[in-house]
Amino acid sequence: MIDLPDAPTWRDSYDVYIADCEREFDSKSDDPEWIAERKALYPRGLNIRMSLEKAFITFWGTTEGWKWCKVHRKTKKLNWNLCVNNCLNNRNNRVWFEKGKPDMEAVEIDRKRSP
């Protein structure tokens, strides 16, 4: 029997890290139920999708984010669900809809709920 090397983990490969990261951020951004739940929990006018995108672009989706995780996370598997949920708590990630402009996420959610 041939011993095959273990598949690289997020810690070994930035490509593995970024693929997992993108998958979770995209999954949450495309989930209207998840966004509706966050709309109820966070201040009115917060653009959930853009806040997620900002968190990804400015930190989590970068090599700096990967390096930070390698130092601060000791787990074999990163909990991306928790990470994405918590990135909205960071005020630096928050993006707001312009004053006087409609909250298009809320409009979309209301449209999907109406009969």
PDB file of N, CA and C in Angstrom:
ATOM      1  N   MET A   1       0.838  -1.176   0.000  1.00  0.00           N
ATOM      2  CA  MET A   1       0.000   0.000   0.000  1.00  0.00           C
ATOM      3  C   MET A   1       0.889   1.248   0.000  1.00  0.00           C
ATOM      4  N   ILE A   2       0.492   2.238  -0.761  1.00  0.00           N
ATOM      5  CA  ILE A   2       1.269   3.476  -0.887  1.00  0.00           C
ATOM      6  C   ILE A   2       0.750   4.491   0.125  1.00  0.00           C
ATOM      7  N   ASP A   3       1.675   5.093   0.838  1.00  0.00           N
ATOM      8  CA  ASP A   3       1.296   6.159   1.765  1.00  0.00           C
ATOM      9  C   ASP A   3       1.186   7.461   0.984  1.00  0.00           C
ATOM     10  N   LEU A   4      -0.002   8.024   0.979  1.00  0.00           N
ATOM     11  CA  LEU A   4      -0.207   9.312   0.320  1.00  0.00           C
ATOM     12  C   LEU A   4      -0.013  10.422   1.350  1.00  0.00           C
ATOM     13  N   PRO A   5       0.599  11.502   0.938  1.00  0.00           N
ATOM     14  CA  PRO A   5       0.758  12.609   1.882  1.00  0.00           C
ATOM     15  C   PRO A   5      -0.609  13.196   2.229  1.00  0.00           C
ATOM     16  N   ASP A   6      -0.711  13.700   3.445  1.00  0.00           N
ATOM     17  CA  ASP A   6      -1.954  14.349   3.860  1.00  0.00           C
ATOM     18  C   ASP A   6      -2.208  15.581   3.002  1.00  0.00           C
ATOM     19  N   ALA A   7      -3.465  15.850   2.776  1.00  0.00           N
ATOM     20  CA  ALA A   7      -3.835  17.052   2.019  1.00  0.00           C
ATOM     21  C   ALA A   7      -3.411  18.280   2.817  1.00  0.00           C
ATOM     22  N   PRO A   8      -2.989  19.325   2.139  1.00  0.00           N
ATOM     23  CA  PRO A   8      -2.583  20.527   2.874  1.00  0.00           C
ATOM     24  C   PRO A   8      -3.772  21.127   3.624  1.00  0.00           C
ATOM     25  N   THR A   9      -3.484  21.688   4.765  1.00  0.00           N
ATOM     26  CA  THR A   9      -4.511  22.343   5.573  1.00  0.00           C
ATOM     27  C   THR A   9      -4.411  23.851   5.378  1.00  0.00           C
ATOM     28  N   TRP A  10      -5.331  24.572   5.998  1.00  0.00           N
ATOM     29  CA  TRP A  10      -5.313  26.029   5.904  1.00  0.00           C
ATOM     30  C   TRP A  10      -3.996  26.586   6.437  1.00  0.00           C
ATOM     31  N   ARG A  11      -3.422  25.904   7.404  1.00  0.00           N
ATOM     32  CA  ARG A  11      -2.181  26.377   8.009  1.00  0.00           C
ATOM     33  C   ARG A  11      -0.992  26.219   7.042  1.00  0.00           C
ATOM     34  N   ASP A  12      -1.047  25.187   6.183  1.00  0.00           N
ATOM     35  CA  ASP A  12       0.038  24.913   5.241  1.00  0.00           C
ATOM     36  C   ASP A  12      -0.054  25.736   3.964  1.00  0.00           C
ATOM     37  N   SER A  13      -1.278  26.089   3.584  1.00  0.00           N
ATOM     38  CA  SER A  13      -1.490  26.653   2.253  1.00  0.00           C
ATOM     39  C   SER A  13      -2.451  27.837   2.278  1.00  0.00           C
ATOM     40  N   TYR A  14      -1.975  28.947   1.763  1.00  0.00           N
ATOM     41  CA  TYR A  14      -2.855  30.111   1.631  1.00  0.00           C
ATOM     42  C   TYR A  14      -4.016  29.792   0.698  1.00  0.00           C
ATOM     43  N   ASP A  15      -3.796  28.974  -0.324  1.00  0.00           N
ATOM     44  CA  ASP A  15      -4.869  28.616  -1.257  1.00  0.00           C
ATOM     45  C   ASP A  15      -6.009  27.887  -0.552  1.00  0.00           C
ATOM     46  N   VAL A  16      -5.682  26.996   0.362  1.00  0.00           N
ATOM     47  CA  VAL A  16      -6.709  26.287   1.134  1.00  0.00           C
ATOM     48  C   VAL A  16      -7.432  27.280   2.039  1.00  0.00           C
ATOM     49  N   TYR A  17      -6.669  28.124   2.725  1.00  0.00           N
ATOM     50  CA  TYR A  17      -7.237  29.145   3.609  1.00  0.00           C
ATOM     51  C   TYR A  17      -8.212  30.039   2.848  1.00  0.00           C
ATOM     52  N   ILE A  18      -7.788  30.588   1.721  1.00  0.00           N
ATOM     53  CA  ILE A  18      -8.610  31.552   0.996  1.00  0.00           C
ATOM     54  C   ILE A  18      -9.842  30.892   0.385  1.00  0.00           C
ATOM     55  N   ALA A  19      -9.730  29.652  -0.049  1.00  0.00           N
ATOM     56  CA  ALA A  19     -10.883  28.940  -0.609  1.00  0.00           C
ATOM     57  C   ALA A  19     -11.958  28.749   0.467  1.00  0.00           C
ATOM     58  N   ASP A  20     -11.556  28.338   1.669  1.00  0.00           N
ATOM     59  CA  ASP A  20     -12.509  28.172   2.773  1.00  0.00           C
ATOM     60  C   ASP A  20     -13.118  29.512   3.176  1.00  0.00           C
ATOM     61  N   CYS A  21     -12.272  30.521   3.235  1.00  0.00           N
ATOM     62  CA  CYS A  21     -12.717  31.862   3.621  1.00  0.00           C
ATOM     63  C   CYS A  21     -13.741  32.403   2.618  1.00  0.00           C
ATOM     64  N   GLU A  22     -13.423  32.349   1.338  1.00  0.00           N
ATOM     65  CA  GLU A  22     -14.334  32.832   0.293  1.00  0.00           C
ATOM     66  C   GLU A  22     -15.660  32.077   0.320  1.00  0.00           C
ATOM     67  N   ARG A  23     -15.585  30.770   0.493  1.00  0.00           N
ATOM     68  CA  ARG A  23     -16.796  29.944   0.513  1.00  0.00           C
ATOM     69  C   ARG A  23     -17.752  30.410   1.617  1.00  0.00           C
ATOM     70  N   GLU A  24     -17.225  30.653   2.814  1.00  0.00           N
ATOM     71  CA  GLU A  24     -18.092  31.039   3.935  1.00  0.00           C
ATOM     72  C   GLU A  24     -18.617  32.466   3.766  1.00  0.00           C
ATOM     73  N   PHE A  25     -17.762  33.400   3.363  1.00  0.00           N
ATOM     74  CA  PHE A  25     -18.218  34.778   3.170  1.00  0.00           C
ATOM     75  C   PHE A  25     -19.266  34.838   2.063  1.00  0.00           C
ATOM     76  N   ASP A  26     -19.047  34.126   0.958  1.00  0.00           N
ATOM     77  CA  ASP A  26     -20.018  34.108  -0.142  1.00  0.00           C
ATOM     78  C   ASP A  26     -21.323  33.458   0.289  1.00  0.00           C
ATOM     79  N   SER A  27     -21.223  32.383   1.051  1.00  0.00           N
ATOM     80  CA  SER A  27     -22.411  31.680   1.521  1.00  0.00           C
ATOM     81  C   SER A  27     -23.294  32.600   2.365  1.00  0.00           C
ATOM     82  N   LYS A  28     -22.686  33.325   3.277  1.00  0.00           N
ATOM     83  CA  LYS A  28     -23.456  34.238   4.137  1.00  0.00           C
ATOM     84  C   LYS A  28     -24.010  35.412   3.336  1.00  0.00           C
ATOM     85  N   SER A  29     -23.241  35.940   2.417  1.00  0.00           N
ATOM     86  CA  SER A  29     -23.696  37.084   1.607  1.00  0.00           C
ATOM     87  C   SER A  29     -24.878  36.722   0.716  1.00  0.00           C
ATOM     88  N   ASP A  30     -24.963  35.450   0.319  1.00  0.00           N
ATOM     89  CA  ASP A  30     -26.029  34.998  -0.580  1.00  0.00           C
ATOM     90  C   ASP A  30     -27.220  34.393   0.161  1.00  0.00           C
ATOM     91  N   ASP A  31     -27.215  34.435   1.488  1.00  0.00           N
ATOM     92  CA  ASP A  31     -28.267  33.814   2.288  1.00  0.00           C
ATOM     93  C   ASP A  31     -29.223  34.876   2.835  1.00  0.00           C
ATOM     94  N   PRO A  32     -30.408  35.057   2.203  1.00  0.00           N
ATOM     95  CA  PRO A  32     -31.318  36.109   2.648  1.00  0.00           C
ATOM     96  C   PRO A  32     -31.835  35.895   4.074  1.00  0.00           C
ATOM     97  N   GLU A  33     -31.976  34.660   4.502  1.00  0.00           N
ATOM     98  CA  GLU A  33     -32.431  34.408   5.877  1.00  0.00           C
ATOM     99  C   GLU A  33     -31.376  34.848   6.884  1.00  0.00           C
ATOM    100  N   TRP A  34     -30.119  34.546   6.603  1.00  0.00           N
ATOM    101  CA  TRP A  34     -29.034  34.945   7.496  1.00  0.00           C
ATOM    102  C   TRP A  34     -28.954  36.472   7.563  1.00  0.00           C
ATOM    103  N   ILE A  35     -29.082  37.123   6.415  1.00  0.00           N
ATOM    104  CA  ILE A  35     -29.033  38.586   6.382  1.00  0.00           C
ATOM    105  C   ILE A  35     -30.216  39.172   7.148  1.00  0.00           C
ATOM    106  N   ALA A  36     -31.404  38.603   6.986  1.00  0.00           N
ATOM    107  CA  ALA A  36     -32.588  39.087   7.711  1.00  0.00           C
ATOM    108  C   ALA A  36     -32.385  38.974   9.222  1.00  0.00           C
ATOM    109  N   GLU A  37     -31.789  37.866   9.665  1.00  0.00           N
ATOM    110  CA  GLU A  37     -31.500  37.711  11.098  1.00  0.00           C
ATOM    111  C   GLU A  37     -30.558  38.804  11.575  1.00  0.00           C
ATOM    112  N   ARG A  38     -29.533  39.102  10.788  1.00  0.00           N
ATOM    113  CA  ARG A  38     -28.582  40.149  11.176  1.00  0.00           C
ATOM    114  C   ARG A  38     -29.230  41.532  11.154  1.00  0.00           C
ATOM    115  N   LYS A  39     -30.160  41.749  10.221  1.00  0.00           N
ATOM    116  CA  LYS A  39     -30.878  43.030  10.156  1.00  0.00           C
ATOM    117  C   LYS A  39     -31.612  43.280  11.462  1.00  0.00           C
ATOM    118  N   ALA A  40     -32.138  42.208  12.065  1.00  0.00           N
ATOM    119  CA  ALA A  40     -32.866  42.337  13.325  1.00  0.00           C
ATOM    120  C   ALA A  40     -31.922  42.577  14.506  1.00  0.00           C
ATOM    121  N   LEU A  41     -30.692  42.128  14.398  1.00  0.00           N
ATOM    122  CA  LEU A  41     -29.757  42.200  15.521  1.00  0.00           C
ATOM    123  C   LEU A  41     -28.870  43.443  15.521  1.00  0.00           C
ATOM    124  N   TYR A  42     -28.643  44.023  14.356  1.00  0.00           N
ATOM    125  CA  TYR A  42     -27.717  45.151  14.249  1.00  0.00           C
ATOM    126  C   TYR A  42     -28.481  46.448  13.980  1.00  0.00           C
ATOM    127  N   PRO A  43     -27.819  47.586  14.180  1.00  0.00           N
ATOM    128  CA  PRO A  43     -28.507  48.873  14.009  1.00  0.00           C
ATOM    129  C   PRO A  43     -29.076  49.056  12.607  1.00  0.00           C
ATOM    130  N   ARG A  44     -30.185  49.768  12.557  1.00  0.00           N
ATOM    131  CA  ARG A  44     -30.846  50.069  11.290  1.00  0.00           C
ATOM    132  C   ARG A  44     -29.898  50.840  10.372  1.00  0.00           C
ATOM    133  N   GLY A  45     -29.909  50.471   9.107  1.00  0.00           N
ATOM    134  CA  GLY A  45     -29.083  51.166   8.126  1.00  0.00           C
ATOM    135  C   GLY A  45     -27.747  50.494   7.857  1.00  0.00           C
ATOM    136  N   LEU A  46     -27.431  49.420   8.594  1.00  0.00           N
ATOM    137  CA  LEU A  46     -26.177  48.721   8.362  1.00  0.00           C
ATOM    138  C   LEU A  46     -26.310  47.862   7.105  1.00  0.00           C
ATOM    139  N   ASN A  47     -25.386  48.032   6.192  1.00  0.00           N
ATOM    140  CA  ASN A  47     -25.360  47.252   4.960  1.00  0.00           C
ATOM    141  C   ASN A  47     -24.575  45.972   5.249  1.00  0.00           C
ATOM    142  N   ILE A  48     -25.313  44.901   5.491  1.00  0.00           N
ATOM    143  CA  ILE A  48     -24.699  43.641   5.905  1.00  0.00           C
ATOM    144  C   ILE A  48     -23.748  43.107   4.826  1.00  0.00           C
ATOM    145  N   ARG A  49     -24.208  43.054   3.591  1.00  0.00           N
ATOM    146  CA  ARG A  49     -23.372  42.493   2.519  1.00  0.00           C
ATOM    147  C   ARG A  49     -22.080  43.293   2.325  1.00  0.00           C
ATOM    148  N   MET A  50     -22.198  44.597   2.291  1.00  0.00           N
ATOM    149  CA  MET A  50     -20.997  45.419   2.096  1.00  0.00           C
ATOM    150  C   MET A  50     -20.073  45.345   3.303  1.00  0.00           C
ATOM    151  N   SER A  51     -20.627  45.196   4.493  1.00  0.00           N
ATOM    152  CA  SER A  51     -19.799  45.040   5.688  1.00  0.00           C
ATOM    153  C   SER A  51     -19.001  43.739   5.622  1.00  0.00           C
ATOM    154  N   LEU A  52     -19.650  42.668   5.159  1.00  0.00           N
ATOM    155  CA  LEU A  52     -18.937  41.405   4.981  1.00  0.00           C
ATOM    156  C   LEU A  52     -17.844  41.545   3.933  1.00  0.00           C
ATOM    157  N   GLU A  53     -18.178  42.209   2.840  1.00  0.00           N
ATOM    158  CA  GLU A  53     -17.201  42.391   1.767  1.00  0.00           C
ATOM    159  C   GLU A  53     -16.004  43.208   2.257  1.00  0.00           C
ATOM    160  N   LYS A  54     -16.283  44.240   3.034  1.00  0.00           N
ATOM    161  CA  LYS A  54     -15.202  45.065   3.563  1.00  0.00           C
ATOM    162  C   LYS A  54     -14.298  44.249   4.489  1.00  0.00           C
ATOM    163  N   ALA A  55     -14.901  43.428   5.364  1.00  0.00           N
ATOM    164  CA  ALA A  55     -14.110  42.589   6.268  1.00  0.00           C
ATOM    165  C   ALA A  55     -13.235  41.624   5.480  1.00  0.00           C
ATOM    166  N   PHE A  56     -13.804  41.058   4.414  1.00  0.00           N
ATOM    167  CA  PHE A  56     -13.040  40.121   3.588  1.00  0.00           C
ATOM    168  C   PHE A  56     -11.906  40.833   2.860  1.00  0.00           C
ATOM    169  N   ILE A  57     -12.205  41.931   2.198  1.00  0.00           N
ATOM    170  CA  ILE A  57     -11.212  42.632   1.378  1.00  0.00           C
ATOM    171  C   ILE A  57     -10.094  43.235   2.221  1.00  0.00           C
ATOM    172  N   THR A  58     -10.456  43.782   3.372  1.00  0.00           N
ATOM    173  CA  THR A  58      -9.449  44.500   4.151  1.00  0.00           C
ATOM    174  C   THR A  58      -8.649  43.621   5.098  1.00  0.00           C
ATOM    175  N   PHE A  59      -9.155  42.405   5.418  1.00  0.00           N
ATOM    176  CA  PHE A  59      -8.381  41.584   6.340  1.00  0.00           C
ATOM    177  C   PHE A  59      -8.458  40.090   6.060  1.00  0.00           C
ATOM    178  N   TRP A  60      -9.624  39.497   6.197  1.00  0.00           N
ATOM    179  CA  TRP A  60      -9.726  38.038   6.167  1.00  0.00           C
ATOM    180  C   TRP A  60      -9.287  37.436   4.838  1.00  0.00           C
ATOM    181  N   GLY A  61      -9.483  38.122   3.755  1.00  0.00           N
ATOM    182  CA  GLY A  61      -9.117  37.602   2.447  1.00  0.00           C
ATOM    183  C   GLY A  61      -7.712  37.973   2.015  1.00  0.00           C
ATOM    184  N   THR A  62      -6.885  38.365   2.952  1.00  0.00           N
ATOM    185  CA  THR A  62      -5.518  38.790   2.631  1.00  0.00           C
ATOM    186  C   THR A  62      -4.498  37.827   3.234  1.00  0.00           C
ATOM    187  N   THR A  63      -3.273  37.926   2.766  1.00  0.00           N
ATOM    188  CA  THR A  63      -2.214  37.105   3.365  1.00  0.00           C
ATOM    189  C   THR A  63      -1.970  37.519   4.812  1.00  0.00           C
ATOM    190  N   GLU A  64      -2.214  38.787   5.134  1.00  0.00           N
ATOM    191  CA  GLU A  64      -2.060  39.245   6.516  1.00  0.00           C
ATOM    192  C   GLU A  64      -3.070  38.547   7.424  1.00  0.00           C
ATOM    193  N   GLY A  65      -4.301  38.381   6.940  1.00  0.00           N
ATOM    194  CA  GLY A  65      -5.320  37.657   7.705  1.00  0.00           C
ATOM    195  C   GLY A  65      -4.913  36.212   7.917  1.00  0.00           C
ATOM    196  N   TRP A  66      -4.378  35.599   6.874  1.00  0.00           N
ATOM    197  CA  TRP A  66      -3.911  34.215   6.977  1.00  0.00           C
ATOM    198  C   TRP A  66      -2.779  34.102   7.997  1.00  0.00           C
ATOM    199  N   LYS A  67      -1.808  35.009   7.916  1.00  0.00           N
ATOM    200  CA  LYS A  67      -0.681  34.990   8.850  1.00  0.00           C
ATOM    201  C   LYS A  67      -1.160  35.221  10.285  1.00  0.00           C
ATOM    202  N   TRP A  68      -2.134  36.125  10.453  1.00  0.00           N
ATOM    203  CA  TRP A  68      -2.683  36.387  11.781  1.00  0.00           C
ATOM    204  C   TRP A  68      -3.318  35.109  12.341  1.00  0.00           C
ATOM    205  N   CYS A  69      -4.078  34.415  11.514  1.00  0.00           N
ATOM    206  CA  CYS A  69      -4.721  33.164  11.947  1.00  0.00           C
ATOM    207  C   CYS A  69      -3.679  32.117  12.329  1.00  0.00           C
ATOM    208  N   LYS A  70      -2.603  32.047  11.577  1.00  0.00           N
ATOM    209  CA  LYS A  70      -1.569  31.055  11.874  1.00  0.00           C
ATOM    210  C   LYS A  70      -0.964  31.287  13.251  1.00  0.00           C
ATOM    211  N   VAL A  71      -0.862  32.549  13.657  1.00  0.00           N
ATOM    212  CA  VAL A  71      -0.298  32.879  14.964  1.00  0.00           C
ATOM    213  C   VAL A  71      -1.343  32.733  16.075  1.00  0.00           C
ATOM    214  N   HIS A  72      -2.566  33.185  15.822  1.00  0.00           N
ATOM    215  CA  HIS A  72      -3.573  33.289  16.876  1.00  0.00           C
ATOM    216  C   HIS A  72      -4.564  32.134  16.949  1.00  0.00           C
ATOM    217  N   ARG A  73      -4.625  31.308  15.962  1.00  0.00           N
ATOM    218  CA  ARG A  73      -5.561  30.173  15.964  1.00  0.00           C
ATOM    219  C   ARG A  73      -4.768  28.878  16.022  1.00  0.00           C
ATOM    220  N   LYS A  74      -5.048  28.096  17.026  1.00  0.00           N
ATOM    221  CA  LYS A  74      -4.308  26.846  17.227  1.00  0.00           C
ATOM    222  C   LYS A  74      -5.072  25.629  16.717  1.00  0.00           C
ATOM    223  N   THR A  75      -6.255  25.822  16.169  1.00  0.00           N
ATOM    224  CA  THR A  75      -7.093  24.712  15.735  1.00  0.00           C
ATOM    225  C   THR A  75      -6.653  24.174  14.380  1.00  0.00           C
ATOM    226  N   LYS A  76      -7.029  22.930  14.110  1.00  0.00           N
ATOM    227  CA  LYS A  76      -6.736  22.331  12.814  1.00  0.00           C
ATOM    228  C   LYS A  76      -7.725  22.818  11.760  1.00  0.00           C
ATOM    229  N   LYS A  77      -8.920  23.167  12.192  1.00  0.00           N
ATOM    230  CA  LYS A  77      -9.952  23.644  11.267  1.00  0.00           C
ATOM    231  C   LYS A  77     -10.490  24.970  11.796  1.00  0.00           C
ATOM    232  N   LEU A  78     -10.489  25.984  10.955  1.00  0.00           N
ATOM    233  CA  LEU A  78     -10.997  27.294  11.363  1.00  0.00           C
ATOM    234  C   LEU A  78     -12.518  27.287  11.374  1.00  0.00           C
ATOM    235  N   ASN A  79     -13.092  27.981  12.338  1.00  0.00           N
ATOM    236  CA  ASN A  79     -14.541  28.107  12.431  1.00  0.00           C
ATOM    237  C   ASN A  79     -14.949  29.370  11.664  1.00  0.00           C
ATOM    238  N   TRP A  80     -15.125  29.216  10.350  1.00  0.00           N
ATOM    239  CA  TRP A  80     -15.444  30.365   9.510  1.00  0.00           C
ATOM    240  C   TRP A  80     -16.830  30.916   9.805  1.00  0.00           C
ATOM    241  N   ASN A  81     -17.755  30.071  10.206  1.00  0.00           N
ATOM    242  CA  ASN A  81     -19.088  30.549  10.548  1.00  0.00           C
ATOM    243  C   ASN A  81     -19.008  31.576  11.680  1.00  0.00           C
ATOM    244  N   LEU A  82     -18.273  31.248  12.720  1.00  0.00           N
ATOM    245  CA  LEU A  82     -18.108  32.162  13.851  1.00  0.00           C
ATOM    246  C   LEU A  82     -17.374  33.428  13.426  1.00  0.00           C
ATOM    247  N   CYS A  83     -16.351  33.269  12.611  1.00  0.00           N
ATOM    248  CA  CYS A  83     -15.571  34.410  12.137  1.00  0.00           C
ATOM    249  C   CYS A  83     -16.452  35.403  11.378  1.00  0.00           C
ATOM    250  N   VAL A  84     -17.252  34.893  10.443  1.00  0.00           N
ATOM    251  CA  VAL A  84     -18.105  35.769   9.638  1.00  0.00           C
ATOM    252  C   VAL A  84     -19.155  36.441  10.522  1.00  0.00           C
ATOM    253  N   ASN A  85     -19.733  35.689  11.442  1.00  0.00           N
ATOM    254  CA  ASN A  85     -20.701  36.280  12.356  1.00  0.00           C
ATOM    255  C   ASN A  85     -20.078  37.399  13.177  1.00  0.00           C
ATOM    256  N   ASN A  86     -18.877  37.161  13.674  1.00  0.00           N
ATOM    257  CA  ASN A  86     -18.235  38.148  14.543  1.00  0.00           C
ATOM    258  C   ASN A  86     -17.664  39.345  13.803  1.00  0.00           C
ATOM    259  N   CYS A  87     -17.402  39.220  12.515  1.00  0.00           N
ATOM    260  CA  CYS A  87     -16.796  40.363  11.813  1.00  0.00           C
ATOM    261  C   CYS A  87     -17.754  41.553  11.761  1.00  0.00           C
ATOM    262  N   LEU A  88     -19.058  41.315  11.908  1.00  0.00           N
ATOM    263  CA  LEU A  88     -20.004  42.431  11.946  1.00  0.00           C
ATOM    264  C   LEU A  88     -19.936  43.194  13.266  1.00  0.00           C
ATOM    265  N   ASN A  89     -19.384  42.568  14.295  1.00  0.00           N
ATOM    266  CA  ASN A  89     -19.236  43.250  15.584  1.00  0.00           C
ATOM    267  C   ASN A  89     -18.125  44.295  15.555  1.00  0.00           C
ATOM    268  N   ASN A  90     -17.181  44.135  14.639  1.00  0.00           N
ATOM    269  CA  ASN A  90     -16.074  45.074  14.534  1.00  0.00           C
ATOM    270  C   ASN A  90     -16.563  46.345  13.836  1.00  0.00           C
ATOM    271  N   ARG A  91     -16.579  47.430  14.556  1.00  0.00           N
ATOM    272  CA  ARG A  91     -17.085  48.701  14.008  1.00  0.00           C
ATOM    273  C   ARG A  91     -16.310  49.157  12.776  1.00  0.00           C
ATOM    274  N   ASN A  92     -15.047  48.766  12.655  1.00  0.00           N
ATOM    275  CA  ASN A  92     -14.251  49.149  11.484  1.00  0.00           C
ATOM    276  C   ASN A  92     -14.748  48.483  10.208  1.00  0.00           C
ATOM    277  N   ASN A  93     -15.462  47.367  10.335  1.00  0.00           N
ATOM    278  CA  ASN A  93     -15.979  46.663   9.164  1.00  0.00           C
ATOM    279  C   ASN A  93     -17.331  47.193   8.703  1.00  0.00           C
ATOM    280  N   ARG A  94     -17.993  47.961   9.523  1.00  0.00           N
ATOM    281  CA  ARG A  94     -19.370  48.358   9.234  1.00  0.00           C
ATOM    282  C   ARG A  94     -19.452  49.391   8.106  1.00  0.00           C
ATOM    283  N   VAL A  95     -20.353  49.097   7.169  1.00  0.00           N
ATOM    284  CA  VAL A  95     -20.651  49.994   6.059  1.00  0.00           C
ATOM    285  C   VAL A  95     -22.128  50.322   6.167  1.00  0.00           C
ATOM    286  N   TRP A  96     -22.454  51.597   6.053  1.00  0.00           N
ATOM    287  CA  TRP A  96     -23.830  52.056   6.241  1.00  0.00           C
ATOM    288  C   TRP A  96     -24.437  52.490   4.916  1.00  0.00           C
ATOM    289  N   PHE A  97     -25.740  52.317   4.804  1.00  0.00           N
ATOM    290  CA  PHE A  97     -26.453  52.876   3.660  1.00  0.00           C
ATOM    291  C   PHE A  97     -26.451  54.392   3.814  1.00  0.00           C
ATOM    292  N   GLU A  98     -26.452  55.106   2.704  1.00  0.00           N
ATOM    293  CA  GLU A  98     -26.453  56.563   2.751  1.00  0.00           C
ATOM    294  C   GLU A  98     -27.751  57.065   3.373  1.00  0.00           C
ATOM    295  N   LYS A  99     -27.650  58.164   4.142  1.00  0.00           N
ATOM    296  CA  LYS A  99     -28.853  58.759   4.728  1.00  0.00           C
ATOM    297  C   LYS A  99     -29.782  59.193   3.612  1.00  0.00           C
ATOM    298  N   GLY A 100     -31.053  58.938   3.826  1.00  0.00           N
ATOM    299  CA  GLY A 100     -32.054  59.319   2.845  1.00  0.00           C
ATOM    300  C   GLY A 100     -32.235  58.305   1.726  1.00  0.00           C
ATOM    301  N   LYS A 101     -31.343  57.319   1.651  1.00  0.00           N
ATOM    302  CA  LYS A 101     -31.446  56.270   0.630  1.00  0.00           C
ATOM    303  C   LYS A 101     -32.068  55.033   1.275  1.00  0.00           C
ATOM    304  N   PRO A 102     -32.821  54.264   0.504  1.00  0.00           N
ATOM    305  CA  PRO A 102     -33.456  53.073   1.084  1.00  0.00           C
ATOM    306  C   PRO A 102     -32.431  51.987   1.408  1.00  0.00           C
ATOM    307  N   ASP A 103     -32.743  51.228   2.429  1.00  0.00           N
ATOM    308  CA  ASP A 103     -31.948  50.066   2.801  1.00  0.00           C
ATOM    309  C   ASP A 103     -32.381  48.942   1.867  1.00  0.00           C
ATOM    310  N   MET A 104     -31.628  48.744   0.800  1.00  0.00           N
ATOM    311  CA  MET A 104     -32.030  47.797  -0.244  1.00  0.00           C
ATOM    312  C   MET A 104     -32.061  46.358   0.244  1.00  0.00           C
ATOM    313  N   GLU A 105     -31.263  46.028   1.227  1.00  0.00           N
ATOM    314  CA  GLU A 105     -31.324  44.674   1.787  1.00  0.00           C
ATOM    315  C   GLU A 105     -32.667  44.453   2.473  1.00  0.00           C
ATOM    316  N   ALA A 106     -33.121  45.441   3.240  1.00  0.00           N
ATOM    317  CA  ALA A 106     -34.412  45.326   3.926  1.00  0.00           C
ATOM    318  C   ALA A 106     -35.553  45.288   2.908  1.00  0.00           C
ATOM    319  N   VAL A 107     -35.452  46.076   1.851  1.00  0.00           N
ATOM    320  CA  VAL A 107     -36.477  46.072   0.799  1.00  0.00           C
ATOM    321  C   VAL A 107     -36.543  44.693   0.147  1.00  0.00           C
ATOM    322  N   GLU A 108     -35.385  44.109  -0.146  1.00  0.00           N
ATOM    323  CA  GLU A 108     -35.337  42.791  -0.763  1.00  0.00           C
ATOM    324  C   GLU A 108     -35.946  41.721   0.159  1.00  0.00           C
ATOM    325  N   ILE A 109     -35.630  41.796   1.438  1.00  0.00           N
ATOM    326  CA  ILE A 109     -36.153  40.841   2.416  1.00  0.00           C
ATOM    327  C   ILE A 109     -37.669  40.980   2.520  1.00  0.00           C
ATOM    328  N   ASP A 110     -38.174  42.207   2.587  1.00  0.00           N
ATOM    329  CA  ASP A 110     -39.625  42.432   2.666  1.00  0.00           C
ATOM    330  C   ASP A 110     -40.320  41.918   1.412  1.00  0.00           C
ATOM    331  N   ARG A 111     -39.726  42.133   0.251  1.00  0.00           N
ATOM    332  CA  ARG A 111     -40.294  41.677  -1.004  1.00  0.00           C
ATOM    333  C   ARG A 111     -40.413  40.144  -1.028  1.00  0.00           C
ATOM    334  N   LYS A 112     -39.403  39.462  -0.514  1.00  0.00           N
ATOM    335  CA  LYS A 112     -39.431  38.000  -0.509  1.00  0.00           C
ATOM    336  C   LYS A 112     -40.431  37.460   0.494  1.00  0.00           C
ATOM    337  N   ARG A 113     -40.740  38.229   1.548  1.00  0.00           N
ATOM    338  CA  ARG A 113     -41.682  37.771   2.567  1.00  0.00           C
ATOM    339  C   ARG A 113     -43.131  38.010   2.177  1.00  0.00           C
ATOM    340  N   SER A 114     -43.382  39.021   1.343  1.00  0.00           N
ATOM    341  CA  SER A 114     -44.778  39.343   0.982  1.00  0.00           C
ATOM    342  C   SER A 114     -45.338  38.280   0.044  1.00  0.00           C
ATOM    343  N   PRO A 115     -46.654  38.021   0.225  1.00  0.00           N
ATOM    344  CA  PRO A 115     -47.293  36.947  -0.577  1.00  0.00           C
ATOM    345  C   PRO A 115     -47.380  37.260  -2.026  1.00  0.00           C
TER     346      PRO A 115
END
